[in-house]
Amino acid sequence: MELRRGLGSASDEPYKPLSRPRRADRITAALAQGRLITSLRLFSDPRGVSVVTRLVNRAVLGLLGSALGVMSVLLLQARAGPGITEGPTTLQLFGYVGLFLSVTLILRVAIDILRPPR
């Protein structure tokens, strides 16, 4: 008898479901009604600004290096143009210079990616 009193019986207390916090109720109601709004401030933290700046810098340099490389290859294929000497033409000379600059830009991006963060 004493053991039953300590544990309680089904007739002593009615069953109570686990209640959810009110905040969770409001969040799920807003989600169900399509009123849930989140806010993300990417540029409020200096580290976030640094990460975005580094990514944009890498992307721009990579695209510039790739475009310069394609244009340089097209200039190397050109057979027309004034000749500097008997061999290469002026357009081919610009192609070689552009190819060198393209490789330099792409290697700079690759080294920046492989270098550990500061």
PDB file of N, CA and C in Angstrom:
ATOM      1  N   MET A   1       0.814  -1.179   0.000  1.00  0.00           N
ATOM      2  CA  MET A   1       0.000   0.000   0.000  1.00  0.00           C
ATOM      3  C   MET A   1       0.866   1.254   0.000  1.00  0.00           C
ATOM      4  N   GLU A   2       1.888   1.225   0.850  1.00  0.00           N
ATOM      5  CA  GLU A   2       2.760   2.377   0.923  1.00  0.00           C
ATOM      6  C   GLU A   2       3.551   2.563  -0.376  1.00  0.00           C
ATOM      7  N   LEU A   3       3.901   1.488  -1.011  1.00  0.00           N
ATOM      8  CA  LEU A   3       4.621   1.550  -2.283  1.00  0.00           C
ATOM      9  C   LEU A   3       3.758   2.199  -3.351  1.00  0.00           C
ATOM     10  N   ARG A   4       2.491   1.895  -3.386  1.00  0.00           N
ATOM     11  CA  ARG A   4       1.593   2.481  -4.380  1.00  0.00           C
ATOM     12  C   ARG A   4       1.437   3.979  -4.160  1.00  0.00           C
ATOM     13  N   ARG A   5       1.422   4.396  -2.914  1.00  0.00           N
ATOM     14  CA  ARG A   5       1.264   5.810  -2.635  1.00  0.00           C
ATOM     15  C   ARG A   5       2.504   6.593  -3.094  1.00  0.00           C
ATOM     16  N   GLY A   6       3.682   6.016  -2.954  1.00  0.00           N
ATOM     17  CA  GLY A   6       4.913   6.688  -3.367  1.00  0.00           C
ATOM     18  C   GLY A   6       5.007   6.823  -4.879  1.00  0.00           C
ATOM     19  N   LEU A   7       4.594   5.813  -5.622  1.00  0.00           N
ATOM     20  CA  LEU A   7       4.682   5.862  -7.070  1.00  0.00           C
ATOM     21  C   LEU A   7       3.503   6.591  -7.696  1.00  0.00           C
ATOM     22  N   GLY A   8       2.414   6.614  -7.033  1.00  0.00           N
ATOM     23  CA  GLY A   8       1.215   7.225  -7.591  1.00  0.00           C
ATOM     24  C   GLY A   8       0.491   6.229  -8.467  1.00  0.00           C
ATOM     25  N   SER A   9      -0.772   6.385  -8.582  1.00  0.00           N
ATOM     26  CA  SER A   9      -1.553   5.469  -9.404  1.00  0.00           C
ATOM     27  C   SER A   9      -2.207   6.243 -10.530  1.00  0.00           C
ATOM     28  N   ALA A  10      -2.784   5.521 -11.450  1.00  0.00           N
ATOM     29  CA  ALA A  10      -3.408   6.141 -12.604  1.00  0.00           C
ATOM     30  C   ALA A  10      -4.622   6.951 -12.197  1.00  0.00           C
ATOM     31  N   SER A  11      -5.243   6.572 -11.112  1.00  0.00           N
ATOM     32  CA  SER A  11      -6.435   7.312 -10.706  1.00  0.00           C
ATOM     33  C   SER A  11      -6.098   8.572  -9.936  1.00  0.00           C
ATOM     34  N   ASP A  12      -4.857   8.676  -9.415  1.00  0.00           N
ATOM     35  CA  ASP A  12      -4.484   9.871  -8.661  1.00  0.00           C
ATOM     36  C   ASP A  12      -4.356  11.111  -9.556  1.00  0.00           C
ATOM     37  N   GLU A  13      -3.654  10.989 -10.685  1.00  0.00           N
ATOM     38  CA  GLU A  13      -3.437  12.123 -11.576  1.00  0.00           C
ATOM     39  C   GLU A  13      -3.858  11.756 -12.981  1.00  0.00           C
ATOM     40  N   PRO A  14      -4.553  12.648 -13.649  1.00  0.00           N
ATOM     41  CA  PRO A  14      -4.882  12.361 -15.049  1.00  0.00           C
ATOM     42  C   PRO A  14      -3.626  12.473 -15.915  1.00  0.00           C
ATOM     43  N   TYR A  15      -3.634  11.837 -17.059  1.00  0.00           N
ATOM     44  CA  TYR A  15      -2.498  11.836 -17.989  1.00  0.00           C
ATOM     45  C   TYR A  15      -2.322  13.239 -18.568  1.00  0.00           C
ATOM     46  N   LYS A  16      -1.108  13.760 -18.490  1.00  0.00           N
ATOM     47  CA  LYS A  16      -0.810  15.062 -19.061  1.00  0.00           C
ATOM     48  C   LYS A  16       0.163  14.874 -20.226  1.00  0.00           C
ATOM     49  N   PRO A  17      -0.203  15.343 -21.406  1.00  0.00           N
ATOM     50  CA  PRO A  17       0.749  15.231 -22.522  1.00  0.00           C
ATOM     51  C   PRO A  17       1.911  16.194 -22.291  1.00  0.00           C
ATOM     52  N   LEU A  18       3.045  15.865 -22.902  1.00  0.00           N
ATOM     53  CA  LEU A  18       4.200  16.755 -22.793  1.00  0.00           C
ATOM     54  C   LEU A  18       3.866  18.065 -23.487  1.00  0.00           C
ATOM     55  N   SER A  19       3.986  19.126 -22.781  1.00  0.00           N
ATOM     56  CA  SER A  19       3.655  20.415 -23.378  1.00  0.00           C
ATOM     57  C   SER A  19       4.888  20.986 -24.062  1.00  0.00           C
ATOM     58  N   ARG A  20       4.670  21.569 -25.237  1.00  0.00           N
ATOM     59  CA  ARG A  20       5.754  22.207 -25.967  1.00  0.00           C
ATOM     60  C   ARG A  20       5.901  23.631 -25.468  1.00  0.00           C
ATOM     61  N   PRO A  21       7.079  24.163 -25.536  1.00  0.00           N
ATOM     62  CA  PRO A  21       7.244  25.569 -25.147  1.00  0.00           C
ATOM     63  C   PRO A  21       6.443  26.483 -26.069  1.00  0.00           C
ATOM     64  N   ARG A  22       6.054  27.630 -25.564  1.00  0.00           N
ATOM     65  CA  ARG A  22       5.248  28.563 -26.364  1.00  0.00           C
ATOM     66  C   ARG A  22       6.001  29.068 -27.587  1.00  0.00           C
ATOM     67  N   ARG A  23       7.299  29.233 -27.452  1.00  0.00           N
ATOM     68  CA  ARG A  23       8.090  29.710 -28.584  1.00  0.00           C
ATOM     69  C   ARG A  23       8.053  28.704 -29.736  1.00  0.00           C
ATOM     70  N   ALA A  24       8.154  27.434 -29.415  1.00  0.00           N
ATOM     71  CA  ALA A  24       8.092  26.411 -30.459  1.00  0.00           C
ATOM     72  C   ALA A  24       6.723  26.420 -31.119  1.00  0.00           C
ATOM     73  N   ASP A  25       5.666  26.667 -30.347  1.00  0.00           N
ATOM     74  CA  ASP A  25       4.327  26.756 -30.924  1.00  0.00           C
ATOM     75  C   ASP A  25       4.237  27.927 -31.896  1.00  0.00           C
ATOM     76  N   ARG A  26       4.794  29.064 -31.508  1.00  0.00           N
ATOM     77  CA  ARG A  26       4.742  30.230 -32.389  1.00  0.00           C
ATOM     78  C   ARG A  26       5.563  30.004 -33.661  1.00  0.00           C
ATOM     79  N   ILE A  27       6.709  29.346 -33.523  1.00  0.00           N
ATOM     80  CA  ILE A  27       7.549  29.079 -34.699  1.00  0.00           C
ATOM     81  C   ILE A  27       6.842  28.135 -35.656  1.00  0.00           C
ATOM     82  N   THR A  28       6.269  27.062 -35.132  1.00  0.00           N
ATOM     83  CA  THR A  28       5.586  26.117 -36.023  1.00  0.00           C
ATOM     84  C   THR A  28       4.339  26.737 -36.638  1.00  0.00           C
ATOM     85  N   ALA A  29       3.621  27.606 -35.899  1.00  0.00           N
ATOM     86  CA  ALA A  29       2.453  28.275 -36.467  1.00  0.00           C
ATOM     87  C   ALA A  29       2.867  29.229 -37.578  1.00  0.00           C
ATOM     88  N   ALA A  30       3.948  29.984 -37.371  1.00  0.00           N
ATOM     89  CA  ALA A  30       4.431  30.898 -38.408  1.00  0.00           C
ATOM     90  C   ALA A  30       4.918  30.128 -39.628  1.00  0.00           C
ATOM     91  N   LEU A  31       5.532  28.989 -39.409  1.00  0.00           N
ATOM     92  CA  LEU A  31       5.999  28.155 -40.514  1.00  0.00           C
ATOM     93  C   LEU A  31       4.823  27.604 -41.305  1.00  0.00           C
ATOM     94  N   ALA A  32       3.777  27.183 -40.600  1.00  0.00           N
ATOM     95  CA  ALA A  32       2.603  26.630 -41.270  1.00  0.00           C
ATOM     96  C   ALA A  32       1.856  27.696 -42.059  1.00  0.00           C
ATOM     97  N   GLN A  33       1.864  28.929 -41.582  1.00  0.00           N
ATOM     98  CA  GLN A  33       1.137  30.000 -42.251  1.00  0.00           C
ATOM     99  C   GLN A  33       2.000  30.739 -43.277  1.00  0.00           C
ATOM    100  N   GLY A  34       3.272  30.368 -43.383  1.00  0.00           N
ATOM    101  CA  GLY A  34       4.158  30.997 -44.351  1.00  0.00           C
ATOM    102  C   GLY A  34       4.646  32.366 -43.910  1.00  0.00           C
ATOM    103  N   ARG A  35       4.670  32.629 -42.631  1.00  0.00           N
ATOM    104  CA  ARG A  35       5.101  33.926 -42.116  1.00  0.00           C
ATOM    105  C   ARG A  35       6.460  33.857 -41.436  1.00  0.00           C
ATOM    106  N   LEU A  36       7.152  32.745 -41.537  1.00  0.00           N
ATOM    107  CA  LEU A  36       8.444  32.594 -40.865  1.00  0.00           C
ATOM    108  C   LEU A  36       9.508  33.358 -41.651  1.00  0.00           C
ATOM    109  N   ILE A  37      10.176  34.279 -40.998  1.00  0.00           N
ATOM    110  CA  ILE A  37      11.185  35.122 -41.639  1.00  0.00           C
ATOM    111  C   ILE A  37      12.492  34.962 -40.865  1.00  0.00           C
ATOM    112  N   THR A  38      13.568  34.758 -41.605  1.00  0.00           N
ATOM    113  CA  THR A  38      14.878  34.698 -40.971  1.00  0.00           C
ATOM    114  C   THR A  38      15.724  35.840 -41.506  1.00  0.00           C
ATOM    115  N   SER A  39      16.705  36.215 -40.753  1.00  0.00           N
ATOM    116  CA  SER A  39      17.577  37.314 -41.133  1.00  0.00           C
ATOM    117  C   SER A  39      19.019  36.852 -40.982  1.00  0.00           C
ATOM    118  N   LEU A  40      19.813  37.060 -42.032  1.00  0.00           N
ATOM    119  CA  LEU A  40      21.222  36.676 -42.015  1.00  0.00           C
ATOM    120  C   LEU A  40      22.032  37.891 -42.442  1.00  0.00           C
ATOM    121  N   ARG A  41      22.919  38.313 -41.587  1.00  0.00           N
ATOM    122  CA  ARG A  41      23.759  39.471 -41.893  1.00  0.00           C
ATOM    123  C   ARG A  41      25.173  38.969 -42.174  1.00  0.00           C
ATOM    124  N   LEU A  42      25.470  38.820 -43.456  1.00  0.00           N
ATOM    125  CA  LEU A  42      26.753  38.256 -43.858  1.00  0.00           C
ATOM    126  C   LEU A  42      27.897  39.232 -43.620  1.00  0.00           C
ATOM    127  N   PHE A  43      27.636  40.515 -43.790  1.00  0.00           N
ATOM    128  CA  PHE A  43      28.708  41.495 -43.720  1.00  0.00           C
ATOM    129  C   PHE A  43      28.787  42.210 -42.376  1.00  0.00           C
ATOM    130  N   SER A  44      28.127  41.700 -41.344  1.00  0.00           N
ATOM    131  CA  SER A  44      28.196  42.349 -40.043  1.00  0.00           C
ATOM    132  C   SER A  44      29.466  41.970 -39.289  1.00  0.00           C
ATOM    133  N   ASP A  45      30.038  40.827 -39.606  1.00  0.00           N
ATOM    134  CA  ASP A  45      31.238  40.354 -38.932  1.00  0.00           C
ATOM    135  C   ASP A  45      32.446  40.575 -39.850  1.00  0.00           C
ATOM    136  N   PRO A  46      33.544  41.092 -39.341  1.00  0.00           N
ATOM    137  CA  PRO A  46      34.728  41.306 -40.193  1.00  0.00           C
ATOM    138  C   PRO A  46      35.258  40.012 -40.816  1.00  0.00           C
ATOM    139  N   ARG A  47      35.095  38.895 -40.107  1.00  0.00           N
ATOM    140  CA  ARG A  47      35.555  37.620 -40.691  1.00  0.00           C
ATOM    141  C   ARG A  47      34.714  37.246 -41.901  1.00  0.00           C
ATOM    142  N   GLY A  48      33.414  37.525 -41.855  1.00  0.00           N
ATOM    143  CA  GLY A  48      32.550  37.250 -42.998  1.00  0.00           C
ATOM    144  C   GLY A  48      32.919  38.098 -44.197  1.00  0.00           C
ATOM    145  N   VAL A  49      33.226  39.352 -43.938  1.00  0.00           N
ATOM    146  CA  VAL A  49      33.653  40.248 -45.018  1.00  0.00           C
ATOM    147  C   VAL A  49      34.958  39.740 -45.618  1.00  0.00           C
ATOM    148  N   SER A  50      35.866  39.290 -44.773  1.00  0.00           N
ATOM    149  CA  SER A  50      37.155  38.788 -45.252  1.00  0.00           C
ATOM    150  C   SER A  50      36.979  37.546 -46.122  1.00  0.00           C
ATOM    151  N   VAL A  51      36.115  36.646 -45.700  1.00  0.00           N
ATOM    152  CA  VAL A  51      35.883  35.418 -46.474  1.00  0.00           C
ATOM    153  C   VAL A  51      35.278  35.738 -47.832  1.00  0.00           C
ATOM    154  N   VAL A  52      34.272  36.601 -47.861  1.00  0.00           N
ATOM    155  CA  VAL A  52      33.627  36.946 -49.129  1.00  0.00           C
ATOM    156  C   VAL A  52      34.601  37.683 -50.038  1.00  0.00           C
ATOM    157  N   THR A  53      35.397  38.579 -49.480  1.00  0.00           N
ATOM    158  CA  THR A  53      36.380  39.303 -50.286  1.00  0.00           C
ATOM    159  C   THR A  53      37.397  38.349 -50.900  1.00  0.00           C
ATOM    160  N   ARG A  54      37.874  37.393 -50.103  1.00  0.00           N
ATOM    161  CA  ARG A  54      38.850  36.431 -50.606  1.00  0.00           C
ATOM    162  C   ARG A  54      38.248  35.559 -51.712  1.00  0.00           C
ATOM    163  N   LEU A  55      37.001  35.122 -51.528  1.00  0.00           N
ATOM    164  CA  LEU A  55      36.363  34.280 -52.549  1.00  0.00           C
ATOM    165  C   LEU A  55      36.138  35.041 -53.849  1.00  0.00           C
ATOM    166  N   VAL A  56      35.673  36.284 -53.739  1.00  0.00           N
ATOM    167  CA  VAL A  56      35.452  37.087 -54.941  1.00  0.00           C
ATOM    168  C   VAL A  56      36.781  37.373 -55.635  1.00  0.00           C
ATOM    169  N   ASN A  57      37.824  37.656 -54.859  1.00  0.00           N
ATOM    170  CA  ASN A  57      39.144  37.915 -55.428  1.00  0.00           C
ATOM    171  C   ASN A  57      39.641  36.694 -56.209  1.00  0.00           C
ATOM    172  N   ARG A  58      39.499  35.524 -55.613  1.00  0.00           N
ATOM    173  CA  ARG A  58      39.943  34.301 -56.301  1.00  0.00           C
ATOM    174  C   ARG A  58      39.138  34.060 -57.575  1.00  0.00           C
ATOM    175  N   ALA A  59      37.835  34.263 -57.496  1.00  0.00           N
ATOM    176  CA  ALA A  59      36.980  34.016 -58.666  1.00  0.00           C
ATOM    177  C   ALA A  59      37.324  34.977 -59.799  1.00  0.00           C
ATOM    178  N   VAL A  60      37.505  36.255 -59.484  1.00  0.00           N
ATOM    179  CA  VAL A  60      37.811  37.242 -60.522  1.00  0.00           C
ATOM    180  C   VAL A  60      39.178  36.963 -61.147  1.00  0.00           C
ATOM    181  N   LEU A  61      40.171  36.680 -60.325  1.00  0.00           N
ATOM    182  CA  LEU A  61      41.497  36.383 -60.874  1.00  0.00           C
ATOM    183  C   LEU A  61      41.491  35.106 -61.713  1.00  0.00           C
ATOM    184  N   GLY A  62      40.757  34.101 -61.276  1.00  0.00           N
ATOM    185  CA  GLY A  62      40.663  32.864 -62.049  1.00  0.00           C
ATOM    186  C   GLY A  62      39.989  33.078 -63.393  1.00  0.00           C
ATOM    187  N   LEU A  63      38.893  33.855 -63.393  1.00  0.00           N
ATOM    188  CA  LEU A  63      38.206  34.139 -64.659  1.00  0.00           C
ATOM    189  C   LEU A  63      39.066  34.992 -65.587  1.00  0.00           C
ATOM    190  N   LEU A  64      39.740  35.982 -65.037  1.00  0.00           N
ATOM    191  CA  LEU A  64      40.625  36.803 -65.862  1.00  0.00           C
ATOM    192  C   LEU A  64      41.763  35.980 -66.460  1.00  0.00           C
ATOM    193  N   GLY A  65      42.354  35.121 -65.636  1.00  0.00           N
ATOM    194  CA  GLY A  65      43.435  34.277 -66.140  1.00  0.00           C
ATOM    195  C   GLY A  65      42.960  33.319 -67.220  1.00  0.00           C
ATOM    196  N   SER A  66      41.779  32.751 -67.034  1.00  0.00           N
ATOM    197  CA  SER A  66      41.235  31.822 -68.035  1.00  0.00           C
ATOM    198  C   SER A  66      40.904  32.544 -69.341  1.00  0.00           C
ATOM    199  N   ALA A  67      40.260  33.695 -69.236  1.00  0.00           N
ATOM    200  CA  ALA A  67      39.908  34.451 -70.446  1.00  0.00           C
ATOM    201  C   ALA A  67      41.159  34.916 -71.183  1.00  0.00           C
ATOM    202  N   LEU A  68      42.139  35.377 -70.428  1.00  0.00           N
ATOM    203  CA  LEU A  68      43.387  35.806 -71.052  1.00  0.00           C
ATOM    204  C   LEU A  68      44.094  34.633 -71.730  1.00  0.00           C
ATOM    205  N   GLY A  69      44.022  33.455 -71.126  1.00  0.00           N
ATOM    206  CA  GLY A  69      44.621  32.273 -71.731  1.00  0.00           C
ATOM    207  C   GLY A  69      43.953  31.886 -73.041  1.00  0.00           C
ATOM    208  N   VAL A  70      42.630  31.937 -73.066  1.00  0.00           N
ATOM    209  CA  VAL A  70      41.904  31.603 -74.309  1.00  0.00           C
ATOM    210  C   VAL A  70      42.231  32.617 -75.397  1.00  0.00           C
ATOM    211  N   MET A  71      42.237  33.893 -75.047  1.00  0.00           N
ATOM    212  CA  MET A  71      42.563  34.915 -76.052  1.00  0.00           C
ATOM    213  C   MET A  71      44.002  34.767 -76.547  1.00  0.00           C
ATOM    214  N   SER A  72      44.905  34.400 -75.666  1.00  0.00           N
ATOM    215  CA  SER A  72      46.302  34.232 -76.060  1.00  0.00           C
ATOM    216  C   SER A  72      46.465  33.064 -77.021  1.00  0.00           C
ATOM    217  N   VAL A  73      45.754  31.982 -76.767  1.00  0.00           N
ATOM    218  CA  VAL A  73      45.828  30.837 -77.680  1.00  0.00           C
ATOM    219  C   VAL A  73      45.281  31.210 -79.049  1.00  0.00           C
ATOM    220  N   LEU A  74      44.215  32.009 -79.069  1.00  0.00           N
ATOM    221  CA  LEU A  74      43.675  32.456 -80.359  1.00  0.00           C
ATOM    222  C   LEU A  74      44.672  33.361 -81.085  1.00  0.00           C
ATOM    223  N   LEU A  75      45.378  34.211 -80.341  1.00  0.00           N
ATOM    224  CA  LEU A  75      46.397  35.054 -80.977  1.00  0.00           C
ATOM    225  C   LEU A  75      47.569  34.223 -81.490  1.00  0.00           C
ATOM    226  N   LEU A  76      47.903  33.158 -80.795  1.00  0.00           N
ATOM    227  CA  LEU A  76      48.999  32.299 -81.263  1.00  0.00           C
ATOM    228  C   LEU A  76      48.628  31.550 -82.547  1.00  0.00           C
ATOM    229  N   GLN A  77      47.339  31.312 -82.738  1.00  0.00           N
ATOM    230  CA  GLN A  77      46.898  30.615 -83.947  1.00  0.00           C
ATOM    231  C   GLN A  77      46.848  31.533 -85.163  1.00  0.00           C
ATOM    232  N   ALA A  78      46.878  32.832 -84.948  1.00  0.00           N
ATOM    233  CA  ALA A  78      46.774  33.791 -86.065  1.00  0.00           C
ATOM    234  C   ALA A  78      48.062  33.782 -86.874  1.00  0.00           C
ATOM    235  N   ARG A  79      47.920  33.701 -88.176  1.00  0.00           N
ATOM    236  CA  ARG A  79      49.088  33.715 -89.067  1.00  0.00           C
ATOM    237  C   ARG A  79      49.262  35.074 -89.728  1.00  0.00           C
ATOM    238  N   ALA A  80      48.290  35.948 -89.595  1.00  0.00           N
ATOM    239  CA  ALA A  80      48.366  37.260 -90.230  1.00  0.00           C
ATOM    240  C   ALA A  80      49.037  38.242 -89.280  1.00  0.00           C
ATOM    241  N   GLY A  81      49.247  39.438 -89.732  1.00  0.00           N
ATOM    242  CA  GLY A  81      49.821  40.469 -88.902  1.00  0.00           C
ATOM    243  C   GLY A  81      51.246  40.774 -89.309  1.00  0.00           C
ATOM    244  N   PRO A  82      51.714  41.942 -88.890  1.00  0.00           N
ATOM    245  CA  PRO A  82      53.087  42.321 -89.266  1.00  0.00           C
ATOM    246  C   PRO A  82      54.103  41.446 -88.535  1.00  0.00           C
ATOM    247  N   GLY A  83      55.129  41.100 -89.237  1.00  0.00           N
ATOM    248  CA  GLY A  83      56.160  40.265 -88.659  1.00  0.00           C
ATOM    249  C   GLY A  83      57.229  41.086 -87.964  1.00  0.00           C
ATOM    250  N   ILE A  84      57.721  40.582 -86.860  1.00  0.00           N
ATOM    251  CA  ILE A  84      58.814  41.246 -86.162  1.00  0.00           C
ATOM    252  C   ILE A  84      60.127  40.782 -86.785  1.00  0.00           C
ATOM    253  N   THR A  85      60.230  39.482 -86.885  1.00  0.00           N
ATOM    254  CA  THR A  85      61.380  38.876 -87.555  1.00  0.00           C
ATOM    255  C   THR A  85      60.814  37.903 -88.583  1.00  0.00           C
ATOM    256  N   GLU A  86      61.634  37.017 -89.045  1.00  0.00           N
ATOM    257  CA  GLU A  86      61.153  36.043 -90.024  1.00  0.00           C
ATOM    258  C   GLU A  86      60.195  35.029 -89.403  1.00  0.00           C
ATOM    259  N   GLY A  87      60.301  34.775 -88.092  1.00  0.00           N
ATOM    260  CA  GLY A  87      59.468  33.763 -87.459  1.00  0.00           C
ATOM    261  C   GLY A  87      58.119  34.270 -86.957  1.00  0.00           C
ATOM    262  N   PRO A  88      58.067  34.734 -85.713  1.00  0.00           N
ATOM    263  CA  PRO A  88      56.768  35.096 -85.124  1.00  0.00           C
ATOM    264  C   PRO A  88      56.271  36.466 -85.595  1.00  0.00           C
ATOM    265  N   THR A  89      54.945  36.583 -85.623  1.00  0.00           N
ATOM    266  CA  THR A  89      54.318  37.868 -85.959  1.00  0.00           C
ATOM    267  C   THR A  89      54.059  38.648 -84.668  1.00  0.00           C
ATOM    268  N   THR A  90      53.598  39.870 -84.821  1.00  0.00           N
ATOM    269  CA  THR A  90      53.294  40.708 -83.660  1.00  0.00           C
ATOM    270  C   THR A  90      52.149  40.103 -82.845  1.00  0.00           C
ATOM    271  N   LEU A  91      51.151  39.564 -83.524  1.00  0.00           N
ATOM    272  CA  LEU A  91      50.024  38.955 -82.822  1.00  0.00           C
ATOM    273  C   LEU A  91      50.480  37.736 -82.014  1.00  0.00           C
ATOM    274  N   GLN A  92      51.392  36.967 -82.572  1.00  0.00           N
ATOM    275  CA  GLN A  92      51.904  35.814 -81.837  1.00  0.00           C
ATOM    276  C   GLN A  92      52.732  36.254 -80.628  1.00  0.00           C
ATOM    277  N   LEU A  93      53.487  37.342 -80.764  1.00  0.00           N
ATOM    278  CA  LEU A  93      54.237  37.866 -79.630  1.00  0.00           C
ATOM    279  C   LEU A  93      53.273  38.270 -78.501  1.00  0.00           C
ATOM    280  N   PHE A  94      52.178  38.967 -78.860  1.00  0.00           N
ATOM    281  CA  PHE A  94      51.160  39.304 -77.858  1.00  0.00           C
ATOM    282  C   PHE A  94      50.542  38.043 -77.263  1.00  0.00           C
ATOM    283  N   GLY A  95      50.403  37.012 -78.061  1.00  0.00           N
ATOM    284  CA  GLY A  95      49.867  35.737 -77.574  1.00  0.00           C
ATOM    285  C   GLY A  95      50.774  35.101 -76.527  1.00  0.00           C
ATOM    286  N   TYR A  96      52.078  35.120 -76.775  1.00  0.00           N
ATOM    287  CA  TYR A  96      53.024  34.558 -75.796  1.00  0.00           C
ATOM    288  C   TYR A  96      53.039  35.359 -74.505  1.00  0.00           C
ATOM    289  N   VAL A  97      53.002  36.687 -74.611  1.00  0.00           N
ATOM    290  CA  VAL A  97      52.970  37.536 -73.416  1.00  0.00           C
ATOM    291  C   VAL A  97      51.676  37.285 -72.639  1.00  0.00           C
ATOM    292  N   GLY A  98      50.566  37.207 -73.337  1.00  0.00           N
ATOM    293  CA  GLY A  98      49.284  36.940 -72.684  1.00  0.00           C
ATOM    294  C   GLY A  98      49.248  35.572 -72.033  1.00  0.00           C
ATOM    295  N   LEU A  99      49.845  34.585 -72.675  1.00  0.00           N
ATOM    296  CA  LEU A  99      49.887  33.232 -72.104  1.00  0.00           C
ATOM    297  C   LEU A  99      50.715  33.222 -70.818  1.00  0.00           C
ATOM    298  N   PHE A 100      51.817  33.956 -70.814  1.00  0.00           N
ATOM    299  CA  PHE A 100      52.628  34.061 -69.602  1.00  0.00           C
ATOM    300  C   PHE A 100      51.831  34.719 -68.474  1.00  0.00           C
ATOM    301  N   LEU A 101      51.144  35.807 -68.783  1.00  0.00           N
ATOM    302  CA  LEU A 101      50.344  36.498 -67.764  1.00  0.00           C
ATOM    303  C   LEU A 101      49.183  35.620 -67.276  1.00  0.00           C
ATOM    304  N   SER A 102      48.601  34.868 -68.178  1.00  0.00           N
ATOM    305  CA  SER A 102      47.502  33.975 -67.805  1.00  0.00           C
ATOM    306  C   SER A 102      47.971  32.893 -66.829  1.00  0.00           C
ATOM    307  N   VAL A 103      49.093  32.289 -67.131  1.00  0.00           N
ATOM    308  CA  VAL A 103      49.638  31.261 -66.243  1.00  0.00           C
ATOM    309  C   VAL A 103      50.004  31.868 -64.891  1.00  0.00           C
ATOM    310  N   THR A 104      50.527  33.092 -64.907  1.00  0.00           N
ATOM    311  CA  THR A 104      50.886  33.763 -63.655  1.00  0.00           C
ATOM    312  C   THR A 104      49.643  34.003 -62.787  1.00  0.00           C
ATOM    313  N   LEU A 105      48.559  34.473 -63.389  1.00  0.00           N
ATOM    314  CA  LEU A 105      47.328  34.721 -62.630  1.00  0.00           C
ATOM    315  C   LEU A 105      46.740  33.428 -62.071  1.00  0.00           C
ATOM    316  N   ILE A 106      46.706  32.395 -62.894  1.00  0.00           N
ATOM    317  CA  ILE A 106      46.114  31.129 -62.443  1.00  0.00           C
ATOM    318  C   ILE A 106      46.971  30.491 -61.349  1.00  0.00           C
ATOM    319  N   LEU A 107      48.283  30.572 -61.473  1.00  0.00           N
ATOM    320  CA  LEU A 107      49.150  30.049 -60.413  1.00  0.00           C
ATOM    321  C   LEU A 107      49.004  30.849 -59.119  1.00  0.00           C
ATOM    322  N   ARG A 108      48.790  32.144 -59.242  1.00  0.00           N
ATOM    323  CA  ARG A 108      48.564  32.945 -58.040  1.00  0.00           C
ATOM    324  C   ARG A 108      47.306  32.501 -57.309  1.00  0.00           C
ATOM    325  N   VAL A 109      46.243  32.222 -58.050  1.00  0.00           N
ATOM    326  CA  VAL A 109      45.005  31.732 -57.434  1.00  0.00           C
ATOM    327  C   VAL A 109      45.238  30.366 -56.802  1.00  0.00           C
ATOM    328  N   ALA A 110      45.959  29.482 -57.496  1.00  0.00           N
ATOM    329  CA  ALA A 110      46.212  28.139 -56.957  1.00  0.00           C
ATOM    330  C   ALA A 110      47.047  28.205 -55.680  1.00  0.00           C
ATOM    331  N   ILE A 111      48.049  29.055 -55.658  1.00  0.00           N
ATOM    332  CA  ILE A 111      48.883  29.188 -54.448  1.00  0.00           C
ATOM    333  C   ILE A 111      48.075  29.802 -53.310  1.00  0.00           C
ATOM    334  N   ASP A 112      47.203  30.757 -53.632  1.00  0.00           N
ATOM    335  CA  ASP A 112      46.364  31.367 -52.600  1.00  0.00           C
ATOM    336  C   ASP A 112      45.400  30.356 -51.991  1.00  0.00           C
ATOM    337  N   ILE A 113      44.914  29.436 -52.804  1.00  0.00           N
ATOM    338  CA  ILE A 113      44.006  28.409 -52.303  1.00  0.00           C
ATOM    339  C   ILE A 113      44.760  27.403 -51.434  1.00  0.00           C
ATOM    340  N   LEU A 114      45.960  27.026 -51.832  1.00  0.00           N
ATOM    341  CA  LEU A 114      46.721  26.010 -51.111  1.00  0.00           C
ATOM    342  C   LEU A 114      47.418  26.534 -49.860  1.00  0.00           C
ATOM    343  N   ARG A 115      47.626  27.841 -49.799  1.00  0.00           N
ATOM    344  CA  ARG A 115      48.299  28.434 -48.642  1.00  0.00           C
ATOM    345  C   ARG A 115      47.376  28.379 -47.420  1.00  0.00           C
ATOM    346  N   PRO A 116      47.927  28.058 -46.263  1.00  0.00           N
ATOM    347  CA  PRO A 116      47.074  28.021 -45.057  1.00  0.00           C
ATOM    348  C   PRO A 116      46.548  29.404 -44.720  1.00  0.00           C
ATOM    349  N   PRO A 117      45.375  29.472 -44.092  1.00  0.00           N
ATOM    350  CA  PRO A 117      44.807  30.785 -43.749  1.00  0.00           C
ATOM    351  C   PRO A 117      45.659  31.526 -42.749  1.00  0.00           C
ATOM    352  N   ARG A 118      45.625  32.835 -42.831  1.00  0.00           N
ATOM    353  CA  ARG A 118      46.440  33.675 -41.945  1.00  0.00           C
ATOM    354  C   ARG A 118      45.766  33.895 -40.635  1.00  0.00           C
TER     355      ARG A 118
END
